[in-house]
Amino acid sequence: MSKQYKGPLDYIDVAARIVEFREKFPNGSLVQRDLRFISDFAGKDWVVFTAAAYRSPDDQQPGIGTAWEPVPGPTSFTRDSEVQNAETAAWGRAMVAALAVDTKKGVASAEEVRNRHTDKRDYLAEANKATTKEDLRRIYNDARQAKVTQDTLAAITSLADGLKE
């Protein structure tokens, strides 16, 4: 029987995958293979980033990962960070393709489960109190990581107008 995805607590983010990759392959590297901009595909412009995960300097078959992001980004948080977002996603995909890291945990710890059920943070209320766009970005990213609804994320995004950088 295969493992089933249980929810956001089972997801390992790219930052954690990079740490795991470095621990397993201290001489490994993540390298940009290609960066392209595509105009008017499906009515949008895109940045496409391809990365390679080399487990060693002489790795003959590195993992290859590609990711793309719309340009401009659809929110004030992704706008002007499109290349960075595509790069991070491509790195994550490359490490998985190299069979060097996984994207999901087998079983969430008791602490993670407890924290998930007790986290009743009101992200929208926090966002309403934000005084800078940087504060709002932090709240948005926390809310996104907590897998709040798209409506809540959109409501948080709409509060960016009028805030100072």
N, C-alpha and C. Protein backbone atom coordinates (compact mmCIF):
# COMPACT_ATOMS: atom_id res chain seq x y z
N MET A 1 0.85 -1.18 0.00
CA MET A 1 0.00 0.00 0.00
C MET A 1 0.89 1.24 0.00
N SER A 2 0.64 2.18 -0.90
CA SER A 2 1.47 3.38 -0.98
C SER A 2 1.03 4.41 0.05
N LYS A 3 1.99 5.29 0.38
CA LYS A 3 1.68 6.35 1.32
C LYS A 3 0.72 7.34 0.67
N GLN A 4 -0.18 7.83 1.44
CA GLN A 4 -1.13 8.82 0.95
C GLN A 4 -0.74 10.18 1.50
N TYR A 5 -0.92 11.23 0.69
CA TYR A 5 -0.67 12.59 1.15
C TYR A 5 -1.72 12.95 2.18
N LYS A 6 -1.28 13.39 3.34
CA LYS A 6 -2.20 13.65 4.45
C LYS A 6 -2.61 15.11 4.58
N GLY A 7 -1.80 16.02 4.10
CA GLY A 7 -2.13 17.43 4.24
C GLY A 7 -0.88 18.27 4.29
N PRO A 8 -1.02 19.59 4.55
CA PRO A 8 0.11 20.51 4.48
C PRO A 8 1.24 20.18 5.45
N LEU A 9 0.94 19.51 6.55
CA LEU A 9 2.02 19.16 7.47
C LEU A 9 2.94 18.10 6.89
N ASP A 10 2.48 17.37 5.91
CA ASP A 10 3.30 16.33 5.29
C ASP A 10 4.22 16.91 4.22
N TYR A 11 4.02 18.14 3.81
CA TYR A 11 4.79 18.75 2.74
C TYR A 11 6.12 19.27 3.27
N ILE A 12 7.20 18.95 2.59
CA ILE A 12 8.52 19.45 2.95
C ILE A 12 8.85 20.59 2.00
N ASP A 13 9.05 21.79 2.53
CA ASP A 13 9.30 22.94 1.66
C ASP A 13 10.71 22.89 1.07
N VAL A 14 10.95 23.74 0.08
CA VAL A 14 12.20 23.70 -0.66
C VAL A 14 13.38 24.04 0.25
N ALA A 15 13.22 24.97 1.17
CA ALA A 15 14.32 25.31 2.08
C ALA A 15 14.77 24.08 2.86
N ALA A 16 13.82 23.29 3.35
CA ALA A 16 14.17 22.07 4.09
C ALA A 16 14.79 21.04 3.15
N ARG A 17 14.33 20.98 1.91
CA ARG A 17 14.91 20.05 0.94
C ARG A 17 16.37 20.40 0.66
N ILE A 18 16.67 21.70 0.59
CA ILE A 18 18.05 22.14 0.34
C ILE A 18 18.95 21.71 1.50
N VAL A 19 18.48 21.86 2.73
CA VAL A 19 19.25 21.43 3.90
C VAL A 19 19.52 19.93 3.80
N GLU A 20 18.48 19.15 3.50
CA GLU A 20 18.62 17.70 3.37
C GLU A 20 19.60 17.35 2.25
N PHE A 21 19.50 18.04 1.12
CA PHE A 21 20.38 17.80 -0.01
C PHE A 21 21.84 18.05 0.38
N ARG A 22 22.09 19.18 1.06
CA ARG A 22 23.46 19.50 1.49
C ARG A 22 24.01 18.47 2.46
N GLU A 23 23.14 17.96 3.36
CA GLU A 23 23.59 16.95 4.32
C GLU A 23 23.96 15.65 3.61
N LYS A 24 23.15 15.24 2.64
CA LYS A 24 23.40 13.99 1.93
C LYS A 24 24.53 14.11 0.91
N PHE A 25 24.63 15.29 0.28
CA PHE A 25 25.60 15.49 -0.80
C PHE A 25 26.38 16.78 -0.57
N PRO A 26 27.33 16.78 0.38
CA PRO A 26 28.06 18.01 0.72
C PRO A 26 28.85 18.60 -0.45
N ASN A 27 29.16 17.79 -1.45
CA ASN A 27 29.87 18.30 -2.63
C ASN A 27 28.92 18.56 -3.79
N GLY A 28 27.62 18.45 -3.52
CA GLY A 28 26.62 18.67 -4.55
C GLY A 28 26.41 20.16 -4.81
N SER A 29 25.66 20.44 -5.86
CA SER A 29 25.36 21.84 -6.19
C SER A 29 24.04 21.94 -6.95
N LEU A 30 23.44 23.09 -6.82
CA LEU A 30 22.23 23.43 -7.57
C LEU A 30 22.64 24.49 -8.59
N VAL A 31 22.37 24.21 -9.86
CA VAL A 31 22.88 25.06 -10.94
C VAL A 31 21.76 25.46 -11.88
N GLN A 32 21.78 26.71 -12.29
CA GLN A 32 20.83 27.17 -13.31
C GLN A 32 21.24 26.57 -14.65
N ARG A 33 20.28 25.93 -15.32
CA ARG A 33 20.54 25.37 -16.65
C ARG A 33 20.02 26.29 -17.74
N ASP A 34 18.89 26.94 -17.44
CA ASP A 34 18.27 27.76 -18.47
C ASP A 34 17.32 28.76 -17.82
N LEU A 35 17.23 29.92 -18.40
CA LEU A 35 16.28 30.95 -17.97
C LEU A 35 15.73 31.58 -19.24
N ARG A 36 14.41 31.49 -19.39
CA ARG A 36 13.76 32.02 -20.59
C ARG A 36 12.53 32.83 -20.22
N PHE A 37 12.20 33.72 -21.09
CA PHE A 37 10.95 34.47 -20.96
C PHE A 37 10.11 34.14 -22.18
N ILE A 38 8.87 33.75 -21.94
CA ILE A 38 7.95 33.39 -23.02
C ILE A 38 6.84 34.42 -23.05
N SER A 39 6.61 34.97 -24.22
CA SER A 39 5.56 35.99 -24.37
C SER A 39 4.28 35.39 -24.91
N ASP A 40 3.20 35.83 -24.35
CA ASP A 40 1.85 35.53 -24.80
C ASP A 40 1.57 34.05 -25.03
N PHE A 41 1.84 33.25 -24.01
CA PHE A 41 1.43 31.85 -24.02
C PHE A 41 0.19 31.75 -23.16
N ALA A 42 -0.90 31.32 -23.76
CA ALA A 42 -2.20 31.25 -23.06
C ALA A 42 -2.60 32.62 -22.52
N GLY A 43 -2.24 33.65 -23.27
CA GLY A 43 -2.64 35.00 -22.89
C GLY A 43 -1.80 35.64 -21.80
N LYS A 44 -0.69 35.00 -21.42
CA LYS A 44 0.17 35.53 -20.37
C LYS A 44 1.63 35.48 -20.80
N ASP A 45 2.46 36.26 -20.10
CA ASP A 45 3.90 36.17 -20.25
C ASP A 45 4.44 35.34 -19.09
N TRP A 46 5.53 34.62 -19.33
CA TRP A 46 6.05 33.68 -18.34
C TRP A 46 7.56 33.78 -18.23
N VAL A 47 8.09 33.47 -17.06
CA VAL A 47 9.51 33.21 -16.88
C VAL A 47 9.61 31.71 -16.63
N VAL A 48 10.55 31.06 -17.33
CA VAL A 48 10.75 29.62 -17.21
C VAL A 48 12.19 29.38 -16.74
N PHE A 49 12.33 28.71 -15.62
CA PHE A 49 13.64 28.47 -15.02
C PHE A 49 13.88 26.96 -14.97
N THR A 50 15.03 26.53 -15.47
CA THR A 50 15.41 25.12 -15.40
C THR A 50 16.68 25.01 -14.57
N ALA A 51 16.66 24.09 -13.61
CA ALA A 51 17.79 23.89 -12.70
C ALA A 51 18.25 22.45 -12.74
N ALA A 52 19.49 22.24 -12.32
CA ALA A 52 20.05 20.90 -12.21
C ALA A 52 20.56 20.71 -10.79
N ALA A 53 20.32 19.52 -10.24
CA ALA A 53 20.83 19.15 -8.92
C ALA A 53 21.93 18.11 -9.12
N TYR A 54 23.17 18.55 -8.97
CA TYR A 54 24.31 17.66 -9.10
C TYR A 54 24.65 17.12 -7.71
N ARG A 55 24.66 15.82 -7.57
CA ARG A 55 24.98 15.20 -6.28
C ARG A 55 26.47 15.24 -5.99
N SER A 56 27.29 15.38 -7.04
CA SER A 56 28.74 15.49 -6.92
C SER A 56 29.24 16.28 -8.13
N PRO A 57 30.48 16.78 -8.08
CA PRO A 57 30.99 17.54 -9.22
C PRO A 57 31.03 16.75 -10.52
N ASP A 58 31.13 15.42 -10.44
CA ASP A 58 31.20 14.61 -11.65
C ASP A 58 29.90 13.85 -11.93
N ASP A 59 28.80 14.29 -11.35
CA ASP A 59 27.49 13.64 -11.53
C ASP A 59 27.13 13.67 -13.02
N GLN A 60 27.00 12.49 -13.62
CA GLN A 60 26.69 12.39 -15.04
C GLN A 60 25.20 12.49 -15.34
N GLN A 61 24.36 12.28 -14.32
CA GLN A 61 22.92 12.34 -14.52
C GLN A 61 22.27 13.15 -13.39
N PRO A 62 22.47 14.47 -13.41
CA PRO A 62 21.86 15.29 -12.37
C PRO A 62 20.34 15.30 -12.52
N GLY A 63 19.67 15.59 -11.44
CA GLY A 63 18.23 15.78 -11.51
C GLY A 63 17.94 17.11 -12.18
N ILE A 64 16.97 17.14 -13.06
CA ILE A 64 16.61 18.37 -13.78
C ILE A 64 15.19 18.75 -13.37
N GLY A 65 15.00 20.02 -13.06
CA GLY A 65 13.68 20.51 -12.70
C GLY A 65 13.38 21.82 -13.41
N THR A 66 12.16 21.99 -13.85
CA THR A 66 11.75 23.22 -14.53
C THR A 66 10.48 23.75 -13.87
N ALA A 67 10.42 25.05 -13.72
CA ALA A 67 9.22 25.70 -13.18
C ALA A 67 9.01 27.00 -13.93
N TRP A 68 7.76 27.41 -13.97
CA TRP A 68 7.46 28.69 -14.62
C TRP A 68 6.50 29.49 -13.77
N GLU A 69 6.59 30.80 -13.92
CA GLU A 69 5.75 31.73 -13.17
C GLU A 69 5.23 32.79 -14.13
N PRO A 70 3.99 33.23 -13.92
CA PRO A 70 3.48 34.31 -14.78
C PRO A 70 4.17 35.63 -14.47
N VAL A 71 4.35 36.45 -15.51
CA VAL A 71 4.94 37.78 -15.38
C VAL A 71 3.97 38.79 -15.96
N PRO A 72 3.54 39.79 -15.21
CA PRO A 72 3.88 40.01 -13.81
C PRO A 72 3.17 39.00 -12.90
N GLY A 73 3.74 38.83 -11.70
CA GLY A 73 3.11 37.94 -10.73
C GLY A 73 1.71 38.41 -10.44
N PRO A 74 0.80 37.50 -10.14
CA PRO A 74 -0.61 37.86 -9.96
C PRO A 74 -0.93 38.62 -8.68
N THR A 75 -0.01 38.65 -7.72
CA THR A 75 -0.28 39.38 -6.47
C THR A 75 0.86 40.35 -6.21
N SER A 76 0.66 41.27 -5.29
CA SER A 76 1.72 42.22 -4.95
C SER A 76 2.89 41.50 -4.28
N PHE A 77 2.67 40.28 -3.80
CA PHE A 77 3.74 39.53 -3.15
C PHE A 77 4.58 38.76 -4.15
N THR A 78 4.01 38.36 -5.27
CA THR A 78 4.76 37.62 -6.27
C THR A 78 5.31 38.53 -7.36
N ARG A 79 4.70 39.70 -7.52
CA ARG A 79 5.17 40.65 -8.53
C ARG A 79 6.58 41.11 -8.15
N ASP A 80 7.46 41.16 -9.12
CA ASP A 80 8.86 41.53 -8.98
C ASP A 80 9.70 40.44 -8.31
N SER A 81 9.12 39.26 -8.08
CA SER A 81 9.86 38.12 -7.54
C SER A 81 9.64 36.88 -8.40
N GLU A 82 9.22 37.08 -9.62
CA GLU A 82 8.85 35.96 -10.48
C GLU A 82 10.04 35.02 -10.74
N VAL A 83 11.21 35.58 -11.04
CA VAL A 83 12.38 34.73 -11.33
C VAL A 83 12.78 33.96 -10.08
N GLN A 84 12.79 34.64 -8.93
CA GLN A 84 13.17 33.97 -7.69
C GLN A 84 12.21 32.83 -7.35
N ASN A 85 10.92 33.06 -7.55
CA ASN A 85 9.93 32.02 -7.27
C ASN A 85 10.10 30.83 -8.21
N ALA A 86 10.33 31.10 -9.49
CA ALA A 86 10.54 30.01 -10.45
C ALA A 86 11.84 29.27 -10.14
N GLU A 87 12.87 30.00 -9.77
CA GLU A 87 14.16 29.38 -9.43
C GLU A 87 14.01 28.43 -8.24
N THR A 88 13.37 28.90 -7.18
CA THR A 88 13.19 28.07 -5.99
C THR A 88 12.41 26.81 -6.32
N ALA A 89 11.33 26.96 -7.07
CA ALA A 89 10.52 25.80 -7.45
C ALA A 89 11.32 24.83 -8.31
N ALA A 90 12.11 25.35 -9.24
CA ALA A 90 12.92 24.49 -10.11
C ALA A 90 13.98 23.74 -9.31
N TRP A 91 14.60 24.40 -8.35
CA TRP A 91 15.58 23.72 -7.48
C TRP A 91 14.91 22.55 -6.77
N GLY A 92 13.73 22.81 -6.18
CA GLY A 92 13.02 21.75 -5.48
C GLY A 92 12.73 20.56 -6.38
N ARG A 93 12.27 20.84 -7.59
CA ARG A 93 11.96 19.78 -8.55
C ARG A 93 13.23 19.02 -8.95
N ALA A 94 14.34 19.73 -9.13
CA ALA A 94 15.59 19.10 -9.53
C ALA A 94 16.09 18.15 -8.45
N MET A 95 16.00 18.56 -7.20
CA MET A 95 16.45 17.69 -6.10
C MET A 95 15.60 16.43 -6.02
N VAL A 96 14.31 16.57 -6.24
CA VAL A 96 13.42 15.40 -6.23
C VAL A 96 13.75 14.51 -7.43
N ALA A 97 13.98 15.11 -8.59
CA ALA A 97 14.29 14.33 -9.79
C ALA A 97 15.61 13.57 -9.63
N ALA A 98 16.53 14.10 -8.84
CA ALA A 98 17.81 13.43 -8.59
C ALA A 98 17.65 12.30 -7.57
N LEU A 99 16.43 12.12 -7.09
CA LEU A 99 16.12 11.12 -6.05
C LEU A 99 16.94 11.40 -4.79
N ALA A 100 17.22 12.68 -4.56
CA ALA A 100 18.04 13.09 -3.42
C ALA A 100 17.20 13.49 -2.21
N VAL A 101 15.98 13.92 -2.45
CA VAL A 101 15.09 14.36 -1.37
C VAL A 101 13.67 13.97 -1.73
N ASP A 102 12.79 14.10 -0.76
CA ASP A 102 11.38 13.79 -0.98
C ASP A 102 10.58 15.07 -0.80
N THR A 103 9.33 15.04 -1.18
CA THR A 103 8.46 16.20 -1.03
C THR A 103 7.50 16.07 0.13
N LYS A 104 7.39 14.86 0.66
CA LYS A 104 6.42 14.61 1.73
C LYS A 104 7.06 13.81 2.84
N LYS A 105 6.61 14.06 4.05
CA LYS A 105 7.03 13.29 5.21
C LYS A 105 6.18 12.04 5.28
N GLY A 106 6.73 11.01 5.86
CA GLY A 106 5.96 9.78 6.01
C GLY A 106 4.82 9.97 6.98
N VAL A 107 5.14 10.41 8.20
CA VAL A 107 4.13 10.56 9.23
C VAL A 107 4.44 11.84 9.99
N ALA A 108 3.44 12.66 10.20
CA ALA A 108 3.64 13.88 10.98
C ALA A 108 3.87 13.50 12.43
N SER A 109 4.73 14.28 13.10
CA SER A 109 4.98 14.02 14.51
C SER A 109 3.76 14.45 15.33
N ALA A 110 3.70 13.96 16.56
CA ALA A 110 2.60 14.34 17.45
C ALA A 110 2.59 15.84 17.66
N GLU A 111 3.78 16.45 17.77
CA GLU A 111 3.85 17.90 17.97
C GLU A 111 3.26 18.64 16.77
N GLU A 112 3.59 18.18 15.55
CA GLU A 112 3.05 18.83 14.35
C GLU A 112 1.54 18.72 14.30
N VAL A 113 1.02 17.55 14.61
CA VAL A 113 -0.43 17.36 14.60
C VAL A 113 -1.08 18.27 15.64
N ARG A 114 -0.50 18.31 16.84
CA ARG A 114 -1.05 19.17 17.89
C ARG A 114 -1.03 20.63 17.45
N ASN A 115 0.10 21.08 16.92
CA ASN A 115 0.21 22.48 16.49
C ASN A 115 -0.79 22.79 15.38
N ARG A 116 -0.99 21.87 14.48
CA ARG A 116 -1.93 22.08 13.38
C ARG A 116 -3.34 22.29 13.90
N HIS A 117 -3.72 21.52 14.90
CA HIS A 117 -5.08 21.62 15.42
C HIS A 117 -5.28 22.77 16.39
N THR A 118 -4.20 23.30 16.94
CA THR A 118 -4.35 24.40 17.90
C THR A 118 -4.05 25.75 17.26
N ASP A 119 -3.60 25.76 16.01
CA ASP A 119 -3.27 27.02 15.35
C ASP A 119 -4.55 27.67 14.82
N LYS A 120 -5.10 28.55 15.60
CA LYS A 120 -6.33 29.25 15.22
C LYS A 120 -6.02 30.71 14.91
N ARG A 121 -4.85 30.95 14.37
CA ARG A 121 -4.38 32.29 14.07
C ARG A 121 -5.32 32.97 13.08
N ASP A 122 -5.68 34.21 13.36
CA ASP A 122 -6.56 34.98 12.49
C ASP A 122 -5.69 35.87 11.60
N TYR A 123 -5.30 35.33 10.45
CA TYR A 123 -4.39 36.03 9.55
C TYR A 123 -5.00 37.31 9.01
N LEU A 124 -6.28 37.30 8.72
CA LEU A 124 -6.92 38.49 8.18
C LEU A 124 -6.94 39.61 9.21
N ALA A 125 -7.20 39.28 10.46
CA ALA A 125 -7.17 40.30 11.52
C ALA A 125 -5.77 40.88 11.65
N GLU A 126 -4.77 40.02 11.58
CA GLU A 126 -3.39 40.50 11.65
C GLU A 126 -3.08 41.41 10.46
N ALA A 127 -3.53 40.99 9.29
CA ALA A 127 -3.28 41.77 8.08
C ALA A 127 -3.92 43.15 8.16
N ASN A 128 -5.08 43.22 8.75
CA ASN A 128 -5.76 44.52 8.91
C ASN A 128 -4.98 45.46 9.80
N LYS A 129 -4.12 44.94 10.66
CA LYS A 129 -3.31 45.77 11.56
C LYS A 129 -1.94 46.09 10.99
N ALA A 130 -1.58 45.49 9.86
CA ALA A 130 -0.26 45.71 9.27
C ALA A 130 -0.09 47.17 8.88
N THR A 131 1.12 47.69 9.09
CA THR A 131 1.39 49.10 8.75
C THR A 131 2.33 49.24 7.56
N THR A 132 2.99 48.13 7.16
CA THR A 132 3.88 48.17 5.99
C THR A 132 3.59 46.98 5.09
N LYS A 133 4.00 47.11 3.84
CA LYS A 133 3.85 46.00 2.90
C LYS A 133 4.71 44.81 3.33
N GLU A 134 5.85 45.09 3.94
CA GLU A 134 6.71 43.99 4.41
C GLU A 134 5.99 43.18 5.49
N ASP A 135 5.30 43.86 6.42
CA ASP A 135 4.51 43.15 7.44
C ASP A 135 3.43 42.31 6.77
N LEU A 136 2.77 42.90 5.78
CA LEU A 136 1.70 42.20 5.08
C LEU A 136 2.24 40.98 4.32
N ARG A 137 3.42 41.12 3.70
CA ARG A 137 4.04 39.99 3.00
C ARG A 137 4.31 38.83 3.97
N ARG A 138 4.82 39.16 5.14
CA ARG A 138 5.11 38.13 6.14
C ARG A 138 3.83 37.41 6.55
N ILE A 139 2.77 38.16 6.80
CA ILE A 139 1.49 37.58 7.20
C ILE A 139 0.93 36.73 6.06
N TYR A 140 0.99 37.26 4.83
CA TYR A 140 0.51 36.52 3.66
C TYR A 140 1.25 35.19 3.52
N ASN A 141 2.59 35.22 3.63
CA ASN A 141 3.37 34.00 3.49
C ASN A 141 3.06 33.00 4.59
N ASP A 142 2.88 33.48 5.81
CA ASP A 142 2.48 32.59 6.91
C ASP A 142 1.12 31.96 6.62
N ALA A 143 0.19 32.78 6.15
CA ALA A 143 -1.16 32.29 5.84
C ALA A 143 -1.13 31.27 4.71
N ARG A 144 -0.32 31.56 3.70
CA ARG A 144 -0.21 30.64 2.58
C ARG A 144 0.38 29.30 3.03
N GLN A 145 1.41 29.35 3.88
CA GLN A 145 2.00 28.13 4.41
C GLN A 145 1.00 27.34 5.25
N ALA A 146 0.09 28.06 5.91
CA ALA A 146 -0.94 27.41 6.74
C ALA A 146 -2.10 26.90 5.89
N LYS A 147 -2.03 27.15 4.57
CA LYS A 147 -3.04 26.66 3.63
C LYS A 147 -4.43 27.23 3.90
N VAL A 148 -4.48 28.55 4.18
CA VAL A 148 -5.79 29.18 4.34
C VAL A 148 -6.47 29.24 2.98
N THR A 149 -7.72 29.62 2.96
CA THR A 149 -8.48 29.65 1.71
C THR A 149 -7.96 30.74 0.77
N GLN A 150 -8.21 30.54 -0.52
CA GLN A 150 -7.84 31.54 -1.52
C GLN A 150 -8.56 32.86 -1.26
N ASP A 151 -9.77 32.81 -0.74
CA ASP A 151 -10.50 34.03 -0.42
C ASP A 151 -9.78 34.83 0.65
N THR A 152 -9.25 34.15 1.66
CA THR A 152 -8.51 34.84 2.71
C THR A 152 -7.23 35.44 2.15
N LEU A 153 -6.52 34.68 1.32
CA LEU A 153 -5.30 35.21 0.71
C LEU A 153 -5.60 36.43 -0.16
N ALA A 154 -6.68 36.37 -0.91
CA ALA A 154 -7.07 37.51 -1.75
C ALA A 154 -7.42 38.72 -0.89
N ALA A 155 -8.09 38.48 0.22
CA ALA A 155 -8.45 39.58 1.12
C ALA A 155 -7.20 40.23 1.71
N ILE A 156 -6.22 39.41 2.08
CA ILE A 156 -4.97 39.94 2.60
C ILE A 156 -4.25 40.75 1.54
N THR A 157 -4.19 40.22 0.32
CA THR A 157 -3.54 40.92 -0.79
C THR A 157 -4.18 42.28 -1.05
N SER A 158 -5.50 42.34 -0.95
CA SER A 158 -6.20 43.59 -1.25
C SER A 158 -5.86 44.70 -0.27
N LEU A 159 -5.30 44.34 0.86
CA LEU A 159 -4.94 45.35 1.88
C LEU A 159 -3.62 46.05 1.58
N ALA A 160 -2.90 45.61 0.56
CA ALA A 160 -1.57 46.17 0.25
C ALA A 160 -1.64 47.61 -0.24
N ASP A 161 -2.71 47.95 -0.95
CA ASP A 161 -2.82 49.31 -1.47
C ASP A 161 -2.80 50.32 -0.33
N GLY A 162 -1.98 51.31 -0.48
CA GLY A 162 -1.94 52.37 0.52
C GLY A 162 -0.92 52.15 1.62
N LEU A 163 -0.36 50.95 1.72
CA LEU A 163 0.68 50.70 2.73
C LEU A 163 2.02 51.13 2.20
N LYS A 164 2.89 51.58 3.08
CA LYS A 164 4.24 51.96 2.69
C LYS A 164 5.09 50.71 2.57
N GLU A 165 6.14 50.82 1.77
CA GLU A 165 7.05 49.67 1.60
C GLU A 165 7.66 49.35 2.91
